[in-house]
Amino acid sequence: MIPDLHGFGPALIAGTWMTIQLALASLALGLGGGLLGVLGLLGALAKTSPYSALRWLGGTYSTIVRGVPELLWVLLIYFGTISLIRGIGELFGIENLALSPFAAGTIALGLCFGAYATEVFRGALLAIPKGHREAGLALGLGKRRIFTRLILPQMWRLALPGLGNLFMILMKDTALVSVIGLEEIMRRSQIAVTASKEPFTFFLVAAFIYLCLTIVAMIGMHFLEKRAGRGFVRSAA
């Protein structure tokens, strides 16, 4: 039986698309894109660095970000940058310049995802035998080539299961951004509940949408893990 959505079906679809965009943007920021760089990988390299200053920097980033709830990061980044962004706007003659809820949510979730991904990457790096690096040096490869050709492919294969779990958590954490007005799934559902007075129906539909997104993500991660492990499976056989 299809529930009566009272005309809010298109709004929920739009909220689903917004959730997907936010999750992918936060993933790109936390892993390999955005102005803040490759957060997770840089953090892992810092924590496994032979230099104590870099280890301290990576550990501080990971500890502080993971020690504060994601919801607080969303609120701190959104409301804490109001004066700063407005001042920058006035400097360039732009009135009422502000950080959008989407941008604030992307930065907050990307920071958190990057901090957790740091630990996943660090574990993957430590799991690679040191003999692989020594073999690369014996073949006359430089440190950069050893990292890109030998270490990085193995690290991705080892880290993919953990990163997949983090991404599924990230998709559900996008619901936190509804508190600053971003109209993703939860925000659209709350609006529909207020108008229809049927909370169970719309929250159940929202749960079903999140479940479908999680299943799609699981299928995608299974494909990536299978593809990344092809050479490893053949060599083990």
Protein backbone atom coordinates (compact mmCIF):
# COMPACT_ATOMS: atom_id res chain seq x y z
CA MET A 1 0.00 0.00 0.00
CA ILE A 2 1.40 3.38 -1.08
CA PRO A 3 1.05 6.02 1.67
CA ASP A 4 -0.75 9.28 0.96
CA LEU A 5 1.96 11.94 0.81
CA HIS A 6 -0.51 14.85 0.45
CA GLY A 7 1.37 16.25 -2.53
CA PHE A 8 4.77 16.30 -0.76
CA GLY A 9 6.28 13.60 -2.99
CA PRO A 10 8.20 16.03 -5.24
CA ALA A 11 9.48 17.88 -2.16
CA LEU A 12 10.83 14.63 -0.69
CA ILE A 13 12.50 13.80 -4.00
CA ALA A 14 14.13 17.25 -4.00
CA GLY A 15 15.26 16.65 -0.41
CA THR A 16 16.74 13.30 -1.40
CA TRP A 17 18.73 14.94 -4.20
CA MET A 18 19.98 17.59 -1.78
CA THR A 19 21.07 14.86 0.65
CA ILE A 20 22.99 13.08 -2.11
CA GLN A 21 24.72 16.31 -3.17
CA LEU A 22 25.66 17.14 0.42
CA ALA A 23 27.02 13.65 1.08
CA LEU A 24 29.12 13.59 -2.10
CA ALA A 25 30.44 17.13 -1.52
CA SER A 26 31.43 16.25 2.05
CA LEU A 27 33.05 13.04 0.82
CA ALA A 28 35.08 14.98 -1.75
CA LEU A 29 36.21 17.45 0.91
CA GLY A 30 37.10 14.75 3.42
CA LEU A 31 38.97 12.55 0.93
CA GLY A 32 40.34 14.34 -2.05
CA GLY A 33 38.89 17.68 -2.98
CA GLY A 34 37.89 21.08 -1.76
CA LEU A 35 39.94 24.00 -0.54
CA LEU A 36 41.03 22.13 2.57
CA GLY A 37 42.80 19.45 0.56
CA VAL A 38 43.00 15.69 1.03
CA LEU A 39 42.06 15.78 4.72
CA GLY A 40 41.94 12.09 5.55
CA LEU A 41 45.05 11.13 3.60
CA LEU A 42 47.06 14.14 4.77
CA GLY A 43 46.06 13.42 8.35
CA ALA A 44 47.17 9.81 8.05
CA LEU A 45 50.49 10.76 6.46
CA ALA A 46 51.04 13.30 9.24
CA LYS A 47 50.29 10.76 11.99
CA THR A 48 52.68 8.21 10.46
CA SER A 49 55.38 10.79 9.72
CA PRO A 50 58.84 10.42 11.30
CA TYR A 51 58.65 14.11 12.29
CA SER A 52 57.13 14.77 15.71
CA ALA A 53 55.65 18.14 14.68
CA LEU A 54 53.63 16.53 11.87
CA ARG A 55 52.53 13.68 14.14
CA TRP A 56 51.35 16.22 16.70
CA LEU A 57 49.49 18.20 14.01
CA GLY A 58 47.74 15.11 12.63
CA GLY A 59 46.87 13.85 16.09
CA THR A 60 45.51 17.23 17.20
CA TYR A 61 43.26 17.50 14.13
CA SER A 62 41.97 13.95 14.56
CA THR A 63 41.39 14.26 18.31
CA ILE A 64 39.69 17.66 18.31
CA VAL A 65 37.37 16.97 15.40
CA ARG A 66 36.37 13.49 16.59
CA GLY A 67 35.94 14.73 20.15
CA VAL A 68 33.16 17.22 19.27
CA PRO A 69 29.74 16.00 18.02
CA GLU A 70 29.01 16.57 14.34
CA LEU A 71 25.94 18.63 15.20
CA LEU A 72 28.05 21.09 17.17
CA TRP A 73 30.48 21.42 14.25
CA VAL A 74 27.57 22.27 11.95
CA LEU A 75 26.34 24.94 14.36
CA LEU A 76 29.81 26.33 15.13
CA ILE A 77 30.81 26.66 11.49
CA TYR A 78 27.48 28.13 10.37
CA PHE A 79 26.94 30.63 13.19
CA GLY A 80 30.59 31.16 14.06
CA THR A 81 31.49 32.45 10.61
CA ILE A 82 28.65 34.97 10.28
CA SER A 83 30.69 37.95 11.49
CA LEU A 84 33.81 36.85 9.60
CA ILE A 85 32.01 36.33 6.27
CA ARG A 86 30.08 39.57 6.69
CA GLY A 87 33.31 41.46 7.37
CA ILE A 88 34.90 40.00 4.22
CA GLY A 89 31.83 41.05 2.25
CA GLU A 90 32.01 44.61 3.54
CA LEU A 91 35.72 44.70 2.67
CA PHE A 92 34.88 43.97 -0.97
CA GLY A 93 31.69 46.04 -1.02
CA ILE A 94 29.30 43.06 -0.89
CA GLU A 95 26.39 43.51 1.49
CA ASN A 96 24.86 40.67 3.55
CA LEU A 97 27.47 38.11 2.46
CA ALA A 98 26.90 34.86 4.36
CA LEU A 99 27.89 31.23 4.31
CA SER A 100 25.05 29.14 2.89
CA PRO A 101 23.69 26.19 4.88
CA PHE A 102 24.93 23.84 2.14
CA ALA A 103 28.48 25.23 2.32
CA ALA A 104 28.50 25.15 6.14
CA GLY A 105 27.17 21.59 6.17
CA THR A 106 29.73 20.47 3.59
CA ILE A 107 32.62 21.98 5.55
CA ALA A 108 31.44 20.54 8.89
CA LEU A 109 30.70 17.03 7.61
CA GLY A 110 33.83 17.04 5.44
CA LEU A 111 35.99 17.94 8.44
CA CYS A 112 34.44 15.15 10.50
CA PHE A 113 34.68 12.59 7.71
CA GLY A 114 38.32 13.55 7.13
CA ALA A 115 39.15 13.06 10.81
CA TYR A 116 37.66 9.56 10.91
CA ALA A 117 39.17 8.72 7.50
CA THR A 118 42.55 9.71 8.96
CA GLU A 119 42.41 6.74 11.31
CA VAL A 120 41.23 4.40 8.52
CA PHE A 121 44.09 5.47 6.25
CA ARG A 122 46.60 5.28 9.10
CA GLY A 123 45.60 1.69 9.83
CA ALA A 124 45.86 0.82 6.14
CA LEU A 125 49.32 2.38 5.87
CA LEU A 126 50.58 0.52 8.93
CA ALA A 127 49.23 -2.77 7.53
CA ILE A 128 51.48 -2.58 4.45
CA PRO A 129 54.70 -4.55 5.06
CA LYS A 130 57.87 -2.46 5.19
CA GLY A 131 59.46 -4.90 2.79
CA HIS A 132 57.37 -3.45 -0.04
CA ARG A 133 59.06 -0.08 0.38
CA GLU A 134 62.45 -1.74 0.61
CA ALA A 135 61.73 -3.66 -2.60
CA GLY A 136 60.91 -0.40 -4.35
CA LEU A 137 64.17 1.14 -3.20
CA ALA A 138 66.05 -1.93 -4.38
CA LEU A 139 64.51 -1.45 -7.83
CA GLY A 140 65.80 2.12 -7.88
CA LEU A 141 62.39 3.81 -7.49
CA GLY A 142 62.15 7.23 -5.85
CA LYS A 143 60.10 7.81 -2.71
CA ARG A 144 57.28 9.52 -4.63
CA ARG A 145 57.04 6.69 -7.15
CA ILE A 146 57.11 4.07 -4.40
CA PHE A 147 54.20 5.83 -2.72
CA THR A 148 52.09 6.30 -5.86
CA ARG A 149 52.85 2.92 -7.49
CA LEU A 150 53.28 0.56 -4.53
CA ILE A 151 51.84 2.03 -1.34
CA LEU A 152 48.80 4.00 -2.50
CA PRO A 153 47.06 1.18 -4.46
CA GLN A 154 47.47 -1.22 -1.52
CA MET A 155 46.35 1.41 0.96
CA TRP A 156 43.13 2.06 -0.98
CA ARG A 157 42.32 -1.65 -1.10
CA LEU A 158 42.80 -2.01 2.66
CA ALA A 159 40.97 1.22 3.50
CA LEU A 160 37.91 0.78 1.27
CA PRO A 161 35.77 -1.28 3.71
CA GLY A 162 36.29 1.26 6.49
CA LEU A 163 35.71 4.21 4.15
CA GLY A 164 32.49 2.58 2.94
CA ASN A 165 31.17 2.37 6.49
CA LEU A 166 32.13 6.00 7.10
CA PHE A 167 30.33 7.11 3.94
CA MET A 168 27.12 5.38 5.00
CA ILE A 169 27.37 7.12 8.38
CA LEU A 170 28.03 10.39 6.55
CA MET A 171 24.84 10.04 4.50
CA LYS A 172 22.79 9.70 7.66
CA ASP A 173 24.65 12.56 9.34
CA THR A 174 23.42 14.89 6.57
CA ALA A 175 20.16 14.99 8.55
CA LEU A 176 21.98 17.16 11.11
CA VAL A 177 22.22 20.02 8.62
CA SER A 178 18.44 20.42 8.75
CA VAL A 179 18.92 22.43 11.98
CA ILE A 180 20.42 25.32 9.98
CA GLY A 181 17.67 25.30 7.35
CA LEU A 182 19.06 23.13 4.55
CA GLU A 183 16.08 21.44 2.91
CA GLU A 184 17.32 17.86 2.73
CA ILE A 185 15.26 14.76 3.53
CA MET A 186 14.67 15.45 7.22
CA ARG A 187 13.85 19.13 6.74
CA ARG A 188 11.38 18.33 3.97
CA SER A 189 9.85 15.60 6.12
CA GLN A 190 9.43 17.96 9.06
CA ILE A 191 7.71 20.51 6.83
CA ALA A 192 5.37 17.79 5.54
CA VAL A 193 4.64 16.63 9.10
CA THR A 194 3.78 20.18 10.20
CA ALA A 195 1.37 20.59 7.28
CA SER A 196 -0.26 17.14 7.35
CA LYS A 197 -0.10 16.28 11.09
CA GLU A 198 1.04 12.75 10.12
CA PRO A 199 4.50 12.32 11.66
CA PHE A 200 4.61 8.52 11.47
CA THR A 201 3.90 8.44 7.73
CA PHE A 202 6.53 10.97 6.68
CA PHE A 203 9.23 9.87 9.10
CA LEU A 204 8.68 6.29 7.94
CA VAL A 205 9.06 7.43 4.32
CA ALA A 206 12.25 9.30 5.28
CA ALA A 207 13.60 6.14 6.93
CA PHE A 208 12.82 4.17 3.77
CA ILE A 209 14.65 6.73 1.63
CA TYR A 210 17.74 6.59 3.85
CA LEU A 211 17.61 2.77 3.73
CA CYS A 212 17.48 2.83 -0.08
CA LEU A 213 20.46 5.24 -0.24
CA THR A 214 22.40 2.98 2.13
CA ILE A 215 21.68 -0.10 -0.01
CA VAL A 216 22.85 1.73 -3.15
CA ALA A 217 26.02 2.81 -1.33
CA MET A 218 26.64 -0.77 -0.17
CA ILE A 219 26.32 -2.05 -3.73
CA GLY A 220 28.71 0.62 -4.97
CA MET A 221 31.26 -0.16 -2.25
CA HIS A 222 31.03 -3.88 -3.00
CA PHE A 223 31.84 -3.15 -6.65
CA LEU A 224 34.78 -0.92 -5.69
CA GLU A 225 36.17 -3.46 -3.21
CA LYS A 226 35.88 -6.24 -5.78
CA ARG A 227 37.61 -4.12 -8.40
CA ALA A 228 40.38 -2.99 -6.03
CA GLY A 229 41.07 -6.56 -4.92
CA ARG A 230 41.22 -8.18 -8.36
CA GLY A 231 45.02 -8.43 -8.55
CA PHE A 232 45.25 -9.46 -4.91
CA VAL A 233 42.76 -12.31 -5.40
CA ARG A 234 44.61 -13.63 -8.45
CA SER A 235 47.98 -13.59 -6.69
CA ALA A 236 46.53 -15.32 -3.63
CA ALA A 237 45.04 -18.07 -5.80
